[in-house]
Amino acid sequence: MEIPSDLKYTKEHEWLRMEGEQAVIGITDFAQDSLGDVVYVQLPEPGANIEQFAKFGEIESVKAVSDLFSPIGGDVVERNAALDRQPELVNSEPYSGGWLLRLTPADAAQIDQLMSAADYEALTASG
């Protein structure tokens, strides 16, 4: 299982990567593996405002439908439109082509409330 050290994580298995002033959000390798084959992703449109740790969408796999929760609050800049045609990118490229959203953070200090790679690895090892 891959856990990139340059990302921040949530206990709900989302990751966050800062790229300049924008936050890129996706689900972890652990999450996509647990879900199985992803067949549909419901994401908010650009302009939507999301609160930290609030539900922002759903991801559907052959096994289940799961809620998606935002690691930080902010305004949606972009949703990954490629997932409309190829939701399986979440499985094959969870940290690159399978990203979900780009946000402009409302408060960058919220990033400090997220887990490090080491903390996330400990969480997944225990559960």
C-alpha atoms as a PDB file:
ATOM      1  CA  MET A   1       0.000   0.000   0.000  1.00  0.00           C
ATOM      2  CA  GLU A   2       1.351   3.392  -1.025  1.00  0.00           C
ATOM      3  CA  ILE A   3       1.318   6.311   1.470  1.00  0.00           C
ATOM      4  CA  PRO A   4       3.200   9.280  -0.027  1.00  0.00           C
ATOM      5  CA  SER A   5       5.069  11.202   2.679  1.00  0.00           C
ATOM      6  CA  ASP A   6       4.385  14.630   1.135  1.00  0.00           C
ATOM      7  CA  LEU A   7       0.597  14.414   1.596  1.00  0.00           C
ATOM      8  CA  LYS A   8      -1.716  15.030   4.564  1.00  0.00           C
ATOM      9  CA  TYR A   9      -4.456  12.536   5.475  1.00  0.00           C
ATOM     10  CA  THR A  10      -7.827  12.198   7.218  1.00  0.00           C
ATOM     11  CA  LYS A  11      -9.184   9.303   9.262  1.00  0.00           C
ATOM     12  CA  GLU A  12     -11.845   8.927   6.527  1.00  0.00           C
ATOM     13  CA  HIS A  13      -9.015   8.061   4.057  1.00  0.00           C
ATOM     14  CA  GLU A  14      -8.863  11.247   2.003  1.00  0.00           C
ATOM     15  CA  TRP A  15      -5.550  12.901   1.137  1.00  0.00           C
ATOM     16  CA  LEU A  16      -4.581  16.523   0.526  1.00  0.00           C
ATOM     17  CA  ARG A  17      -1.681  17.977  -1.451  1.00  0.00           C
ATOM     18  CA  MET A  18      -0.997  21.712  -1.704  1.00  0.00           C
ATOM     19  CA  GLU A  19      -0.079  22.909  -5.200  1.00  0.00           C
ATOM     20  CA  GLY A  20       0.650  26.611  -4.898  1.00  0.00           C
ATOM     21  CA  GLU A  21      -2.463  28.264  -3.467  1.00  0.00           C
ATOM     22  CA  GLN A  22      -4.730  25.305  -4.286  1.00  0.00           C
ATOM     23  CA  ALA A  23      -5.431  22.104  -2.395  1.00  0.00           C
ATOM     24  CA  VAL A  24      -5.826  18.896  -4.398  1.00  0.00           C
ATOM     25  CA  ILE A  25      -7.975  16.217  -2.734  1.00  0.00           C
ATOM     26  CA  GLY A  26      -8.362  12.503  -3.424  1.00  0.00           C
ATOM     27  CA  ILE A  27      -8.836   9.179  -1.683  1.00  0.00           C
ATOM     28  CA  THR A  28      -5.964   7.028  -0.519  1.00  0.00           C
ATOM     29  CA  ASP A  29      -4.629   3.807  -1.961  1.00  0.00           C
ATOM     30  CA  PHE A  30      -5.982   2.066   1.169  1.00  0.00           C
ATOM     31  CA  ALA A  31      -9.471   3.495   0.516  1.00  0.00           C
ATOM     32  CA  GLN A  32      -9.611   2.579  -3.164  1.00  0.00           C
ATOM     33  CA  ASP A  33      -8.385  -0.939  -2.348  1.00  0.00           C
ATOM     34  CA  SER A  34     -11.053  -1.314   0.340  1.00  0.00           C
ATOM     35  CA  LEU A  35     -13.787  -0.054  -1.984  1.00  0.00           C
ATOM     36  CA  GLY A  36     -12.934  -2.309  -4.914  1.00  0.00           C
ATOM     37  CA  ASP A  37     -13.682  -1.292  -8.494  1.00  0.00           C
ATOM     38  CA  VAL A  38     -14.989   2.297  -8.558  1.00  0.00           C
ATOM     39  CA  VAL A  39     -17.879   2.726 -11.016  1.00  0.00           C
ATOM     40  CA  TYR A  40     -19.143   6.265 -10.264  1.00  0.00           C
ATOM     41  CA  VAL A  41     -18.015   9.418  -8.470  1.00  0.00           C
ATOM     42  CA  GLN A  42     -20.395  12.262  -7.552  1.00  0.00           C
ATOM     43  CA  LEU A  43     -18.554  15.567  -7.044  1.00  0.00           C
ATOM     44  CA  PRO A  44     -19.612  19.194  -6.499  1.00  0.00           C
ATOM     45  CA  GLU A  45     -19.339  21.767  -9.269  1.00  0.00           C
ATOM     46  CA  PRO A  46     -16.796  24.622  -9.294  1.00  0.00           C
ATOM     47  CA  GLY A  47     -17.938  27.489  -7.094  1.00  0.00           C
ATOM     48  CA  ALA A  48     -19.374  25.229  -4.390  1.00  0.00           C
ATOM     49  CA  ASN A  49     -18.240  25.990  -0.846  1.00  0.00           C
ATOM     50  CA  ILE A  50     -17.251  23.046   1.358  1.00  0.00           C
ATOM     51  CA  GLU A  51     -16.678  23.019   5.113  1.00  0.00           C
ATOM     52  CA  GLN A  52     -13.767  21.132   6.665  1.00  0.00           C
ATOM     53  CA  PHE A  53     -14.614  17.466   7.313  1.00  0.00           C
ATOM     54  CA  ALA A  54     -18.066  17.917   5.699  1.00  0.00           C
ATOM     55  CA  LYS A  55     -19.468  15.536   3.109  1.00  0.00           C
ATOM     56  CA  PHE A  56     -18.825  16.793  -0.416  1.00  0.00           C
ATOM     57  CA  GLY A  57     -19.789  13.827  -2.589  1.00  0.00           C
ATOM     58  CA  GLU A  58     -20.093  10.099  -2.963  1.00  0.00           C
ATOM     59  CA  ILE A  59     -18.038   7.337  -4.487  1.00  0.00           C
ATOM     60  CA  GLU A  60     -19.693   4.160  -5.705  1.00  0.00           C
ATOM     61  CA  SER A  61     -17.944   0.859  -6.208  1.00  0.00           C
ATOM     62  CA  VAL A  62     -19.073  -2.642  -7.012  1.00  0.00           C
ATOM     63  CA  LYS A  63     -19.156  -3.241  -3.226  1.00  0.00           C
ATOM     64  CA  ALA A  64     -20.698  -0.091  -1.725  1.00  0.00           C
ATOM     65  CA  VAL A  65     -21.509   3.608  -1.874  1.00  0.00           C
ATOM     66  CA  SER A  66     -19.337   5.722   0.433  1.00  0.00           C
ATOM     67  CA  ASP A  67     -19.429   9.385   1.403  1.00  0.00           C
ATOM     68  CA  LEU A  68     -16.483  11.657   0.632  1.00  0.00           C
ATOM     69  CA  PHE A  69     -15.356  14.177   3.271  1.00  0.00           C
ATOM     70  CA  SER A  70     -13.208  17.261   2.691  1.00  0.00           C
ATOM     71  CA  PRO A  71      -9.890  17.480   4.558  1.00  0.00           C
ATOM     72  CA  ILE A  72     -10.203  21.290   4.590  1.00  0.00           C
ATOM     73  CA  GLY A  73     -12.821  23.913   3.926  1.00  0.00           C
ATOM     74  CA  GLY A  74     -12.819  26.100   0.849  1.00  0.00           C
ATOM     75  CA  ASP A  75     -14.232  26.872  -2.570  1.00  0.00           C
ATOM     76  CA  VAL A  76     -14.186  24.264  -5.333  1.00  0.00           C
ATOM     77  CA  VAL A  77     -12.020  25.460  -8.209  1.00  0.00           C
ATOM     78  CA  GLU A  78     -12.157  22.295 -10.313  1.00  0.00           C
ATOM     79  CA  ARG A  79     -13.607  18.803 -10.204  1.00  0.00           C
ATOM     80  CA  ASN A  80     -11.841  15.974 -12.023  1.00  0.00           C
ATOM     81  CA  ALA A  81     -14.096  15.692 -15.090  1.00  0.00           C
ATOM     82  CA  ALA A  82     -12.065  12.717 -16.347  1.00  0.00           C
ATOM     83  CA  LEU A  83     -13.740  10.639 -13.619  1.00  0.00           C
ATOM     84  CA  ASP A  84     -17.107  11.078 -15.372  1.00  0.00           C
ATOM     85  CA  ARG A  85     -15.755   8.913 -18.202  1.00  0.00           C
ATOM     86  CA  GLN A  86     -13.151   6.887 -16.304  1.00  0.00           C
ATOM     87  CA  PRO A  87     -14.065   6.508 -12.617  1.00  0.00           C
ATOM     88  CA  GLU A  88     -11.588   3.627 -12.462  1.00  0.00           C
ATOM     89  CA  LEU A  89      -8.746   6.202 -12.404  1.00  0.00           C
ATOM     90  CA  VAL A  90      -9.454   6.408  -8.663  1.00  0.00           C
ATOM     91  CA  ASN A  91      -8.315   2.764  -8.452  1.00  0.00           C
ATOM     92  CA  SER A  92      -5.384   2.838 -10.857  1.00  0.00           C
ATOM     93  CA  GLU A  93      -3.983   6.290 -10.003  1.00  0.00           C
ATOM     94  CA  PRO A  94      -5.281   7.352  -6.557  1.00  0.00           C
ATOM     95  CA  TYR A  95      -2.523   9.954  -6.078  1.00  0.00           C
ATOM     96  CA  SER A  96      -2.296  11.300  -9.627  1.00  0.00           C
ATOM     97  CA  GLY A  97      -4.936  10.933 -12.365  1.00  0.00           C
ATOM     98  CA  GLY A  98      -7.605   9.814  -9.881  1.00  0.00           C
ATOM     99  CA  TRP A  99      -7.702  13.057  -7.858  1.00  0.00           C
ATOM    100  CA  LEU A 100     -11.186  14.357  -7.030  1.00  0.00           C
ATOM    101  CA  LEU A 101     -11.214  18.128  -6.390  1.00  0.00           C
ATOM    102  CA  ARG A 102      -9.124  21.288  -6.378  1.00  0.00           C
ATOM    103  CA  LEU A 103     -10.048  23.820  -3.686  1.00  0.00           C
ATOM    104  CA  THR A 104      -8.991  27.286  -2.701  1.00  0.00           C
ATOM    105  CA  PRO A 105      -8.579  26.827   1.070  1.00  0.00           C
ATOM    106  CA  ALA A 106     -10.657  29.047   3.346  1.00  0.00           C
ATOM    107  CA  ASP A 107      -8.078  28.706   6.144  1.00  0.00           C
ATOM    108  CA  ALA A 108      -4.697  27.112   5.430  1.00  0.00           C
ATOM    109  CA  ALA A 109      -4.230  26.552   9.188  1.00  0.00           C
ATOM    110  CA  GLN A 110      -6.790  23.715   8.883  1.00  0.00           C
ATOM    111  CA  ILE A 111      -4.054  21.649   7.211  1.00  0.00           C
ATOM    112  CA  ASP A 112      -2.361  21.398  10.608  1.00  0.00           C
ATOM    113  CA  GLN A 113      -5.349  19.349  11.838  1.00  0.00           C
ATOM    114  CA  LEU A 114      -4.626  16.559   9.336  1.00  0.00           C
ATOM    115  CA  MET A 115      -2.512  13.447   9.822  1.00  0.00           C
ATOM    116  CA  SER A 116       1.039  12.968   8.587  1.00  0.00           C
ATOM    117  CA  ALA A 117       1.942   9.951   6.461  1.00  0.00           C
ATOM    118  CA  ALA A 118       3.356   8.206   9.564  1.00  0.00           C
ATOM    119  CA  ASP A 119       0.138   8.843  11.516  1.00  0.00           C
ATOM    120  CA  TYR A 120      -1.983   7.601   8.620  1.00  0.00           C
ATOM    121  CA  GLU A 121       0.171   4.487   8.244  1.00  0.00           C
ATOM    122  CA  ALA A 122      -0.358   3.731  11.955  1.00  0.00           C
ATOM    123  CA  LEU A 123      -4.123   4.214  11.519  1.00  0.00           C
ATOM    124  CA  THR A 124      -4.344   1.802   8.579  1.00  0.00           C
ATOM    125  CA  ALA A 125      -2.070  -0.753  10.258  1.00  0.00           C
ATOM    126  CA  SER A 126      -4.366  -0.881  13.288  1.00  0.00           C
ATOM    127  CA  GLY A 127      -7.598  -1.091  11.356  1.00  0.00           C
END
